[in-house]
Amino acid sequence: MATEEKATLEIRDNTANPAPLGLLAFGMTTVLLNFANAGLYELSSMVLAMGIFYGGLAQLIAGALEWKKNNTFGMTAFISYGMFWLSLVALVIMPGMFPKIAGPNATGMAVYLGLWGLFTLVMFIGTLKINRALQVVFGTLVMLFVLLALAETTGNANIHMAAGYEGIFCGLSAMYTGLAQVLNELYGKAILPLGPVKPLR
């Protein structure tokens, strides 16, 4: 009896990890915006340019690369937050470019921020199956959206300032997570720890 031999073709993914790019794009842009929210300087074209090119376009690229890696969570997060930054910049500049289009009032902005907070809360639940560093990033981002929505609803400048400082911490935590992935991959060990994976039960 003839013996059948089956050949197995193994395809390895040798492409780079896009997550650090997305995390750094989100983190650095978040830090710059929240320095303005904290009252350390005024909102300027510097923040808006970062929102378009790094917070926006770089995250879209990272999300597209996560799609190629079959990472639904990464794709959804990076593309969504990339679009968040682009939409936020559009909210600032569109009323000036198109005088007939009114900018959002405080209630509209509170709903906008609250909806993003709800989305982020669900994504935070997803991080419970990844690592502690991402839990910090998404957990503090939920708090940031809640504080910003409250600031818009109440008109309280102190809440807005508190949101700014909390947002700076959120952005720095995203930067840490992105840079940790870069260094840990380069050195082949945990130079900067990301924390243990804690799966949902």
C-alpha atoms as a PDB file:
ATOM      1  CA  MET A   1       0.000   0.000   0.000  1.00  0.00           C
ATOM      2  CA  ALA A   2       1.364   3.386  -1.029  1.00  0.00           C
ATOM      3  CA  THR A   3       2.050   5.797   1.774  1.00  0.00           C
ATOM      4  CA  GLU A   4       0.520   9.241   1.371  1.00  0.00           C
ATOM      5  CA  GLU A   5       2.676  12.106   2.478  1.00  0.00           C
ATOM      6  CA  LYS A   6       1.053  15.412   3.284  1.00  0.00           C
ATOM      7  CA  ALA A   7       3.104  18.569   2.986  1.00  0.00           C
ATOM      8  CA  THR A   8       2.340  21.372   5.397  1.00  0.00           C
ATOM      9  CA  LEU A   9       3.175  24.930   4.447  1.00  0.00           C
ATOM     10  CA  GLU A  10       3.815  27.133   7.467  1.00  0.00           C
ATOM     11  CA  ILE A  11       3.569  30.871   6.877  1.00  0.00           C
ATOM     12  CA  ARG A  12       5.268  32.998   9.509  1.00  0.00           C
ATOM     13  CA  ASP A  13       4.393  36.622  10.132  1.00  0.00           C
ATOM     14  CA  ASN A  14       7.707  38.484  10.158  1.00  0.00           C
ATOM     15  CA  THR A  15       6.198  41.964   9.991  1.00  0.00           C
ATOM     16  CA  ALA A  16       6.896  44.488  12.745  1.00  0.00           C
ATOM     17  CA  ASN A  17       4.597  45.034  15.709  1.00  0.00           C
ATOM     18  CA  PRO A  18       2.496  48.149  14.938  1.00  0.00           C
ATOM     19  CA  ALA A  19       1.197  48.595  18.499  1.00  0.00           C
ATOM     20  CA  PRO A  20       4.069  50.820  19.747  1.00  0.00           C
ATOM     21  CA  LEU A  21       3.460  53.254  16.879  1.00  0.00           C
ATOM     22  CA  GLY A  22      -0.228  53.481  17.703  1.00  0.00           C
ATOM     23  CA  LEU A  23       0.351  53.818  21.445  1.00  0.00           C
ATOM     24  CA  LEU A  24       3.001  56.518  21.038  1.00  0.00           C
ATOM     25  CA  ALA A  25       0.877  58.433  18.538  1.00  0.00           C
ATOM     26  CA  PHE A  26      -2.045  58.360  20.938  1.00  0.00           C
ATOM     27  CA  GLY A  27       0.037  59.030  24.038  1.00  0.00           C
ATOM     28  CA  MET A  28       2.141  61.952  22.815  1.00  0.00           C
ATOM     29  CA  THR A  29      -0.844  63.732  21.265  1.00  0.00           C
ATOM     30  CA  THR A  30      -2.888  63.179  24.422  1.00  0.00           C
ATOM     31  CA  VAL A  31      -0.137  64.670  26.581  1.00  0.00           C
ATOM     32  CA  LEU A  32       0.127  67.782  24.390  1.00  0.00           C
ATOM     33  CA  LEU A  33      -3.632  68.390  24.329  1.00  0.00           C
ATOM     34  CA  ASN A  34      -3.989  67.928  28.056  1.00  0.00           C
ATOM     35  CA  PHE A  35      -1.224  70.366  28.846  1.00  0.00           C
ATOM     36  CA  ALA A  36      -3.624  72.847  27.230  1.00  0.00           C
ATOM     37  CA  ASN A  37      -6.608  71.433  29.153  1.00  0.00           C
ATOM     38  CA  ALA A  38      -4.633  71.833  32.387  1.00  0.00           C
ATOM     39  CA  GLY A  39      -4.059  75.499  31.534  1.00  0.00           C
ATOM     40  CA  LEU A  40      -0.309  75.269  31.035  1.00  0.00           C
ATOM     41  CA  TYR A  41      -0.589  76.835  27.559  1.00  0.00           C
ATOM     42  CA  GLU A  42      -3.300  77.714  25.061  1.00  0.00           C
ATOM     43  CA  LEU A  43      -4.651  75.362  22.425  1.00  0.00           C
ATOM     44  CA  SER A  44      -2.673  76.095  19.255  1.00  0.00           C
ATOM     45  CA  SER A  45      -1.827  74.771  15.797  1.00  0.00           C
ATOM     46  CA  MET A  46       0.902  72.651  17.434  1.00  0.00           C
ATOM     47  CA  VAL A  47      -1.717  70.485  19.146  1.00  0.00           C
ATOM     48  CA  LEU A  48      -3.987  70.426  16.087  1.00  0.00           C
ATOM     49  CA  ALA A  49      -1.125  69.408  13.782  1.00  0.00           C
ATOM     50  CA  MET A  50      -0.205  66.560  16.125  1.00  0.00           C
ATOM     51  CA  GLY A  51      -3.867  65.574  16.200  1.00  0.00           C
ATOM     52  CA  ILE A  52      -3.985  65.289  12.416  1.00  0.00           C
ATOM     53  CA  PHE A  53      -0.635  63.746  11.559  1.00  0.00           C
ATOM     54  CA  TYR A  54       0.421  61.690  14.586  1.00  0.00           C
ATOM     55  CA  GLY A  55      -2.639  61.134  16.737  1.00  0.00           C
ATOM     56  CA  GLY A  56      -4.759  60.739  13.618  1.00  0.00           C
ATOM     57  CA  LEU A  57      -2.925  59.395  10.580  1.00  0.00           C
ATOM     58  CA  ALA A  58      -0.257  57.384  12.430  1.00  0.00           C
ATOM     59  CA  GLN A  59      -2.934  55.564  14.420  1.00  0.00           C
ATOM     60  CA  LEU A  60      -4.847  54.800  11.226  1.00  0.00           C
ATOM     61  CA  ILE A  61      -1.686  53.232   9.785  1.00  0.00           C
ATOM     62  CA  ALA A  62      -1.130  51.233  12.993  1.00  0.00           C
ATOM     63  CA  GLY A  63      -4.733  50.041  12.917  1.00  0.00           C
ATOM     64  CA  ALA A  64      -4.457  48.921   9.300  1.00  0.00           C
ATOM     65  CA  LEU A  65      -1.319  46.951  10.164  1.00  0.00           C
ATOM     66  CA  GLU A  66      -3.079  45.378  13.154  1.00  0.00           C
ATOM     67  CA  TRP A  67      -5.795  44.220  10.730  1.00  0.00           C
ATOM     68  CA  LYS A  68      -3.119  42.456   8.710  1.00  0.00           C
ATOM     69  CA  LYS A  69      -1.958  40.741  11.903  1.00  0.00           C
ATOM     70  CA  ASN A  70      -5.524  39.560  12.593  1.00  0.00           C
ATOM     71  CA  ASN A  71      -5.689  41.639  15.794  1.00  0.00           C
ATOM     72  CA  THR A  72      -9.295  42.807  16.024  1.00  0.00           C
ATOM     73  CA  PHE A  73      -8.775  44.668  19.317  1.00  0.00           C
ATOM     74  CA  GLY A  74      -5.736  46.586  18.061  1.00  0.00           C
ATOM     75  CA  MET A  75      -7.361  47.392  14.728  1.00  0.00           C
ATOM     76  CA  THR A  76     -10.538  48.672  16.379  1.00  0.00           C
ATOM     77  CA  ALA A  77      -8.699  50.711  19.002  1.00  0.00           C
ATOM     78  CA  PHE A  78      -6.140  52.415  16.763  1.00  0.00           C
ATOM     79  CA  ILE A  79      -8.464  53.201  13.871  1.00  0.00           C
ATOM     80  CA  SER A  80     -11.197  54.421  16.213  1.00  0.00           C
ATOM     81  CA  TYR A  81      -8.918  56.700  18.247  1.00  0.00           C
ATOM     82  CA  GLY A  82      -7.192  57.879  15.075  1.00  0.00           C
ATOM     83  CA  MET A  83     -10.594  58.954  13.795  1.00  0.00           C
ATOM     84  CA  PHE A  84     -11.335  60.499  17.191  1.00  0.00           C
ATOM     85  CA  TRP A  85      -8.339  62.791  16.837  1.00  0.00           C
ATOM     86  CA  LEU A  86      -9.248  63.738  13.276  1.00  0.00           C
ATOM     87  CA  SER A  87     -12.847  64.434  14.268  1.00  0.00           C
ATOM     88  CA  LEU A  88     -11.734  66.493  17.281  1.00  0.00           C
ATOM     89  CA  VAL A  89      -9.528  68.661  15.082  1.00  0.00           C
ATOM     90  CA  ALA A  90     -12.417  69.024  12.627  1.00  0.00           C
ATOM     91  CA  LEU A  91     -14.686  70.206  15.460  1.00  0.00           C
ATOM     92  CA  VAL A  92     -12.178  72.985  16.189  1.00  0.00           C
ATOM     93  CA  ILE A  93     -11.406  74.164  12.654  1.00  0.00           C
ATOM     94  CA  MET A  94     -14.605  73.499  10.672  1.00  0.00           C
ATOM     95  CA  PRO A  95     -16.660  76.400  12.101  1.00  0.00           C
ATOM     96  CA  GLY A  96     -13.910  78.804  11.024  1.00  0.00           C
ATOM     97  CA  MET A  97     -13.612  77.243   7.568  1.00  0.00           C
ATOM     98  CA  PHE A  98     -17.360  77.010   7.003  1.00  0.00           C
ATOM     99  CA  PRO A  99     -19.141  79.909   8.759  1.00  0.00           C
ATOM    100  CA  LYS A 100     -22.575  78.395   8.154  1.00  0.00           C
ATOM    101  CA  ILE A 101     -21.618  75.299  10.182  1.00  0.00           C
ATOM    102  CA  ALA A 102     -21.950  76.038  13.880  1.00  0.00           C
ATOM    103  CA  GLY A 103     -19.583  74.507  16.376  1.00  0.00           C
ATOM    104  CA  PRO A 104     -21.038  72.138  18.988  1.00  0.00           C
ATOM    105  CA  ASN A 105     -22.515  73.593  22.170  1.00  0.00           C
ATOM    106  CA  ALA A 106     -21.617  72.314  25.630  1.00  0.00           C
ATOM    107  CA  THR A 107     -24.368  69.686  25.592  1.00  0.00           C
ATOM    108  CA  GLY A 108     -23.270  68.387  22.214  1.00  0.00           C
ATOM    109  CA  MET A 109     -19.645  68.132  23.335  1.00  0.00           C
ATOM    110  CA  ALA A 110     -20.689  66.346  26.536  1.00  0.00           C
ATOM    111  CA  VAL A 111     -22.597  63.763  24.486  1.00  0.00           C
ATOM    112  CA  TYR A 112     -19.654  63.391  22.084  1.00  0.00           C
ATOM    113  CA  LEU A 113     -17.184  62.855  24.929  1.00  0.00           C
ATOM    114  CA  GLY A 114     -19.576  60.621  26.851  1.00  0.00           C
ATOM    115  CA  LEU A 115     -20.067  58.357  23.852  1.00  0.00           C
ATOM    116  CA  TRP A 116     -16.306  57.988  23.482  1.00  0.00           C
ATOM    117  CA  GLY A 117     -16.135  57.247  27.196  1.00  0.00           C
ATOM    118  CA  LEU A 118     -18.679  54.440  26.800  1.00  0.00           C
ATOM    119  CA  PHE A 119     -16.713  52.974  23.888  1.00  0.00           C
ATOM    120  CA  THR A 120     -13.495  53.171  25.909  1.00  0.00           C
ATOM    121  CA  LEU A 121     -15.133  51.474  28.901  1.00  0.00           C
ATOM    122  CA  VAL A 122     -15.990  48.444  26.765  1.00  0.00           C
ATOM    123  CA  MET A 123     -12.467  48.422  25.310  1.00  0.00           C
ATOM    124  CA  PHE A 124     -11.100  48.581  28.880  1.00  0.00           C
ATOM    125  CA  ILE A 125     -12.912  45.323  29.610  1.00  0.00           C
ATOM    126  CA  GLY A 126     -10.989  43.843  26.682  1.00  0.00           C
ATOM    127  CA  THR A 127      -7.665  44.891  28.225  1.00  0.00           C
ATOM    128  CA  LEU A 128      -8.360  42.615  31.207  1.00  0.00           C
ATOM    129  CA  LYS A 129      -7.252  39.779  28.922  1.00  0.00           C
ATOM    130  CA  ILE A 130      -4.064  41.556  27.800  1.00  0.00           C
ATOM    131  CA  ASN A 131      -1.787  43.194  30.374  1.00  0.00           C
ATOM    132  CA  ARG A 132      -1.721  45.626  33.297  1.00  0.00           C
ATOM    133  CA  ALA A 133      -0.110  48.474  31.343  1.00  0.00           C
ATOM    134  CA  LEU A 134      -2.967  48.598  28.835  1.00  0.00           C
ATOM    135  CA  GLN A 135      -5.465  48.386  31.679  1.00  0.00           C
ATOM    136  CA  VAL A 136      -3.948  51.582  33.080  1.00  0.00           C
ATOM    137  CA  VAL A 137      -4.062  53.304  29.672  1.00  0.00           C
ATOM    138  CA  PHE A 138      -7.690  52.472  28.968  1.00  0.00           C
ATOM    139  CA  GLY A 139      -8.837  52.870  32.581  1.00  0.00           C
ATOM    140  CA  THR A 140      -7.412  56.387  32.839  1.00  0.00           C
ATOM    141  CA  LEU A 141      -8.807  57.199  29.390  1.00  0.00           C
ATOM    142  CA  VAL A 142     -12.309  56.299  30.606  1.00  0.00           C
ATOM    143  CA  MET A 143     -11.786  58.680  33.546  1.00  0.00           C
ATOM    144  CA  LEU A 144     -10.543  61.383  31.178  1.00  0.00           C
ATOM    145  CA  PHE A 145     -13.637  61.231  28.985  1.00  0.00           C
ATOM    146  CA  VAL A 146     -15.903  61.273  32.058  1.00  0.00           C
ATOM    147  CA  LEU A 147     -14.142  64.325  33.510  1.00  0.00           C
ATOM    148  CA  LEU A 148     -14.192  66.190  30.196  1.00  0.00           C
ATOM    149  CA  ALA A 149     -17.897  65.425  29.721  1.00  0.00           C
ATOM    150  CA  LEU A 150     -18.608  66.657  33.265  1.00  0.00           C
ATOM    151  CA  ALA A 151     -16.601  69.814  32.613  1.00  0.00           C
ATOM    152  CA  GLU A 152     -18.679  70.518  29.503  1.00  0.00           C
ATOM    153  CA  THR A 153     -21.954  69.804  31.346  1.00  0.00           C
ATOM    154  CA  THR A 154     -21.189  71.901  34.410  1.00  0.00           C
ATOM    155  CA  GLY A 155     -18.942  74.564  32.919  1.00  0.00           C
ATOM    156  CA  ASN A 156     -16.636  74.035  35.905  1.00  0.00           C
ATOM    157  CA  ALA A 157     -13.101  75.180  35.078  1.00  0.00           C
ATOM    158  CA  ASN A 158     -11.612  73.214  37.970  1.00  0.00           C
ATOM    159  CA  ILE A 159     -12.998  69.942  36.609  1.00  0.00           C
ATOM    160  CA  HIS A 160     -11.574  70.831  33.198  1.00  0.00           C
ATOM    161  CA  MET A 161      -8.170  71.496  34.746  1.00  0.00           C
ATOM    162  CA  ALA A 162      -8.324  68.232  36.711  1.00  0.00           C
ATOM    163  CA  ALA A 163      -9.153  66.428  33.469  1.00  0.00           C
ATOM    164  CA  GLY A 164      -6.050  67.973  31.935  1.00  0.00           C
ATOM    165  CA  TYR A 165      -3.727  66.626  34.598  1.00  0.00           C
ATOM    166  CA  GLU A 166      -5.434  63.228  34.536  1.00  0.00           C
ATOM    167  CA  GLY A 167      -5.083  63.225  30.740  1.00  0.00           C
ATOM    168  CA  ILE A 168      -1.367  63.944  31.002  1.00  0.00           C
ATOM    169  CA  PHE A 169      -1.004  60.822  33.143  1.00  0.00           C
ATOM    170  CA  CYS A 170      -3.085  58.816  30.653  1.00  0.00           C
ATOM    171  CA  GLY A 171      -0.918  59.954  27.745  1.00  0.00           C
ATOM    172  CA  LEU A 172       2.302  59.219  29.601  1.00  0.00           C
ATOM    173  CA  SER A 173       1.046  55.730  30.453  1.00  0.00           C
ATOM    174  CA  ALA A 174       0.393  55.090  26.749  1.00  0.00           C
ATOM    175  CA  MET A 175       3.875  56.347  25.893  1.00  0.00           C
ATOM    176  CA  TYR A 176       5.380  54.058  28.540  1.00  0.00           C
ATOM    177  CA  THR A 177       3.479  51.063  27.161  1.00  0.00           C
ATOM    178  CA  GLY A 178       4.576  51.770  23.583  1.00  0.00           C
ATOM    179  CA  LEU A 179       8.225  52.370  24.467  1.00  0.00           C
ATOM    180  CA  ALA A 180       8.263  49.298  26.718  1.00  0.00           C
ATOM    181  CA  GLN A 181       7.186  47.146  23.794  1.00  0.00           C
ATOM    182  CA  VAL A 182       9.964  48.600  21.626  1.00  0.00           C
ATOM    183  CA  LEU A 183      12.727  48.098  24.218  1.00  0.00           C
ATOM    184  CA  ASN A 184      11.502  44.691  25.384  1.00  0.00           C
ATOM    185  CA  GLU A 185      11.474  43.420  21.813  1.00  0.00           C
ATOM    186  CA  LEU A 186      14.939  44.825  21.086  1.00  0.00           C
ATOM    187  CA  TYR A 187      16.533  43.325  24.216  1.00  0.00           C
ATOM    188  CA  GLY A 188      14.503  40.123  24.282  1.00  0.00           C
ATOM    189  CA  LYS A 189      13.540  40.618  27.933  1.00  0.00           C
ATOM    190  CA  ALA A 190      11.365  42.838  30.129  1.00  0.00           C
ATOM    191  CA  ILE A 191      13.411  46.043  30.314  1.00  0.00           C
ATOM    192  CA  LEU A 192      10.211  47.929  31.145  1.00  0.00           C
ATOM    193  CA  PRO A 193       7.555  45.629  32.636  1.00  0.00           C
ATOM    194  CA  LEU A 194       4.048  45.592  31.200  1.00  0.00           C
ATOM    195  CA  GLY A 195       2.488  43.617  34.026  1.00  0.00           C
ATOM    196  CA  PRO A 196       0.998  40.138  34.077  1.00  0.00           C
ATOM    197  CA  VAL A 197      -1.841  39.026  31.862  1.00  0.00           C
ATOM    198  CA  LYS A 198      -4.985  38.730  33.947  1.00  0.00           C
ATOM    199  CA  PRO A 199      -7.615  36.826  31.953  1.00  0.00           C
ATOM    200  CA  LEU A 200     -11.337  37.207  32.541  1.00  0.00           C
ATOM    201  CA  ARG A 201     -12.974  34.378  34.477  1.00  0.00           C
END
